[in-house]
Amino acid sequence: MPKWFAKLVEFLPADKKFLTGDSVSIYDFAVAGVFTNLICNPKSKNPAVWAATWEKAPERVKKYVADFNEDMKGYLDARPKDYSM
């Protein structure tokens, strides 16, 4: 994961919220979705392992995921509460 985090930071523009600008794109669904649905999901398999991994993520990656979750809040709040991956 550390290598993936480092590579992701290279692709995230410092002056934009998402991979291709300030609007969520299909690329963000693919990338940020992994974080939202697996790594940051307390109902995923092995949540303690993922939580430890997430703690090591660079701040730019954490901001990216937070921005994604903020933009997708309506959808994320409406999905089933027992959603796990």
C-alpha atoms as a PDB file:
ATOM      1  CA  MET A   1       0.000   0.000   0.000  1.00  0.00           C
ATOM      2  CA  PRO A   2       2.737   2.577   0.691  1.00  0.00           C
ATOM      3  CA  LYS A   3       3.825   2.395  -2.961  1.00  0.00           C
ATOM      4  CA  TRP A   4       0.245   2.815  -4.115  1.00  0.00           C
ATOM      5  CA  PHE A   5      -0.229   5.805  -1.802  1.00  0.00           C
ATOM      6  CA  ALA A   6       2.936   7.417  -3.181  1.00  0.00           C
ATOM      7  CA  LYS A   7       1.862   6.841  -6.779  1.00  0.00           C
ATOM      8  CA  LEU A   8      -1.610   8.215  -6.076  1.00  0.00           C
ATOM      9  CA  VAL A   9      -0.133  11.403  -4.602  1.00  0.00           C
ATOM     10  CA  GLU A  10       1.755  11.898  -7.879  1.00  0.00           C
ATOM     11  CA  PHE A  11      -1.543  11.885  -9.781  1.00  0.00           C
ATOM     12  CA  LEU A  12      -3.499  14.120  -7.402  1.00  0.00           C
ATOM     13  CA  PRO A  13      -3.224  17.776  -8.404  1.00  0.00           C
ATOM     14  CA  ALA A  14      -2.369  20.008  -5.437  1.00  0.00           C
ATOM     15  CA  ASP A  15      -4.839  22.682  -6.554  1.00  0.00           C
ATOM     16  CA  LYS A  16      -7.806  20.394  -7.383  1.00  0.00           C
ATOM     17  CA  LYS A  17     -10.031  18.151  -5.288  1.00  0.00           C
ATOM     18  CA  PHE A  18     -10.022  15.102  -7.525  1.00  0.00           C
ATOM     19  CA  LEU A  19      -7.919  13.282 -10.092  1.00  0.00           C
ATOM     20  CA  THR A  20      -9.178  15.273 -13.074  1.00  0.00           C
ATOM     21  CA  GLY A  21     -10.406  18.504 -11.496  1.00  0.00           C
ATOM     22  CA  ASP A  22     -12.919  19.704  -8.939  1.00  0.00           C
ATOM     23  CA  SER A  23     -15.762  17.382  -9.974  1.00  0.00           C
ATOM     24  CA  VAL A  24     -15.974  13.667  -9.263  1.00  0.00           C
ATOM     25  CA  SER A  25     -15.128  11.592 -12.333  1.00  0.00           C
ATOM     26  CA  ILE A  26     -15.384   7.908 -13.162  1.00  0.00           C
ATOM     27  CA  TYR A  27     -11.718   7.628 -12.167  1.00  0.00           C
ATOM     28  CA  ASP A  28     -12.521   8.893  -8.686  1.00  0.00           C
ATOM     29  CA  PHE A  29     -15.287   6.321  -8.313  1.00  0.00           C
ATOM     30  CA  ALA A  30     -12.745   3.608  -9.076  1.00  0.00           C
ATOM     31  CA  VAL A  31      -9.923   4.925  -6.892  1.00  0.00           C
ATOM     32  CA  ALA A  32     -11.687   6.649  -4.003  1.00  0.00           C
ATOM     33  CA  GLY A  33     -14.260   3.877  -3.987  1.00  0.00           C
ATOM     34  CA  VAL A  34     -11.570   1.424  -2.872  1.00  0.00           C
ATOM     35  CA  PHE A  35     -10.853   3.610   0.136  1.00  0.00           C
ATOM     36  CA  THR A  36     -14.496   4.282   0.960  1.00  0.00           C
ATOM     37  CA  ASN A  37     -15.751   0.729   0.496  1.00  0.00           C
ATOM     38  CA  LEU A  38     -12.796  -1.259   1.767  1.00  0.00           C
ATOM     39  CA  ILE A  39     -10.012   0.554   3.575  1.00  0.00           C
ATOM     40  CA  CYS A  40     -12.123   3.054   5.541  1.00  0.00           C
ATOM     41  CA  ASN A  41     -15.164   0.812   5.947  1.00  0.00           C
ATOM     42  CA  PRO A  42     -15.382  -0.472   9.535  1.00  0.00           C
ATOM     43  CA  LYS A  43     -17.543  -3.350   8.274  1.00  0.00           C
ATOM     44  CA  SER A  44     -14.946  -4.630   5.822  1.00  0.00           C
ATOM     45  CA  LYS A  45     -13.020  -7.798   6.454  1.00  0.00           C
ATOM     46  CA  ASN A  46     -10.098  -7.192   8.840  1.00  0.00           C
ATOM     47  CA  PRO A  47     -11.014  -3.586   9.746  1.00  0.00           C
ATOM     48  CA  ALA A  48      -8.101  -3.319  12.210  1.00  0.00           C
ATOM     49  CA  VAL A  49      -5.612  -4.111   9.449  1.00  0.00           C
ATOM     50  CA  TRP A  50      -7.184  -1.530   7.150  1.00  0.00           C
ATOM     51  CA  ALA A  51      -7.296   1.077   9.928  1.00  0.00           C
ATOM     52  CA  ALA A  52      -3.566   0.651  10.513  1.00  0.00           C
ATOM     53  CA  THR A  53      -2.967   0.979   6.775  1.00  0.00           C
ATOM     54  CA  TRP A  54      -5.094   4.127   6.612  1.00  0.00           C
ATOM     55  CA  GLU A  55      -3.123   5.755   9.432  1.00  0.00           C
ATOM     56  CA  LYS A  56      -0.024   5.574   7.220  1.00  0.00           C
ATOM     57  CA  ALA A  57      -1.698   7.256   4.251  1.00  0.00           C
ATOM     58  CA  PRO A  58      -0.308  10.649   3.222  1.00  0.00           C
ATOM     59  CA  GLU A  59      -2.417  13.667   4.157  1.00  0.00           C
ATOM     60  CA  ARG A  60      -3.104  14.422   0.478  1.00  0.00           C
ATOM     61  CA  VAL A  61      -4.682  10.989   0.046  1.00  0.00           C
ATOM     62  CA  LYS A  62      -6.761  11.439   3.203  1.00  0.00           C
ATOM     63  CA  LYS A  63      -7.989  14.821   1.937  1.00  0.00           C
ATOM     64  CA  TYR A  64      -8.837  13.310  -1.435  1.00  0.00           C
ATOM     65  CA  VAL A  65     -10.945  10.594   0.171  1.00  0.00           C
ATOM     66  CA  ALA A  66     -12.591  13.102   2.538  1.00  0.00           C
ATOM     67  CA  ASP A  67     -13.492  15.326  -0.430  1.00  0.00           C
ATOM     68  CA  PHE A  68     -14.897  12.322  -2.300  1.00  0.00           C
ATOM     69  CA  ASN A  69     -16.974  11.257   0.698  1.00  0.00           C
ATOM     70  CA  GLU A  70     -18.256  14.810   1.119  1.00  0.00           C
ATOM     71  CA  ASP A  71     -19.338  15.023  -2.524  1.00  0.00           C
ATOM     72  CA  MET A  72     -20.925  11.554  -2.337  1.00  0.00           C
ATOM     73  CA  LYS A  73     -22.514  12.081   1.104  1.00  0.00           C
ATOM     74  CA  GLY A  74     -26.106  11.771  -0.120  1.00  0.00           C
ATOM     75  CA  TYR A  75     -25.446   8.439  -1.773  1.00  0.00           C
ATOM     76  CA  LEU A  76     -23.270   7.091   1.034  1.00  0.00           C
ATOM     77  CA  ASP A  77     -25.845   8.018   3.672  1.00  0.00           C
ATOM     78  CA  ALA A  78     -28.646   6.355   1.685  1.00  0.00           C
ATOM     79  CA  ARG A  79     -26.966   3.020   1.026  1.00  0.00           C
ATOM     80  CA  PRO A  80     -27.724   0.081   3.321  1.00  0.00           C
ATOM     81  CA  LYS A  81     -26.065   0.497   6.736  1.00  0.00           C
ATOM     82  CA  ASP A  82     -24.773  -3.075   6.714  1.00  0.00           C
ATOM     83  CA  TYR A  83     -22.817  -2.488   3.514  1.00  0.00           C
ATOM     84  CA  SER A  84     -19.527  -4.345   3.598  1.00  0.00           C
ATOM     85  CA  MET A  85     -16.958  -5.499   1.135  1.00  0.00           C
END
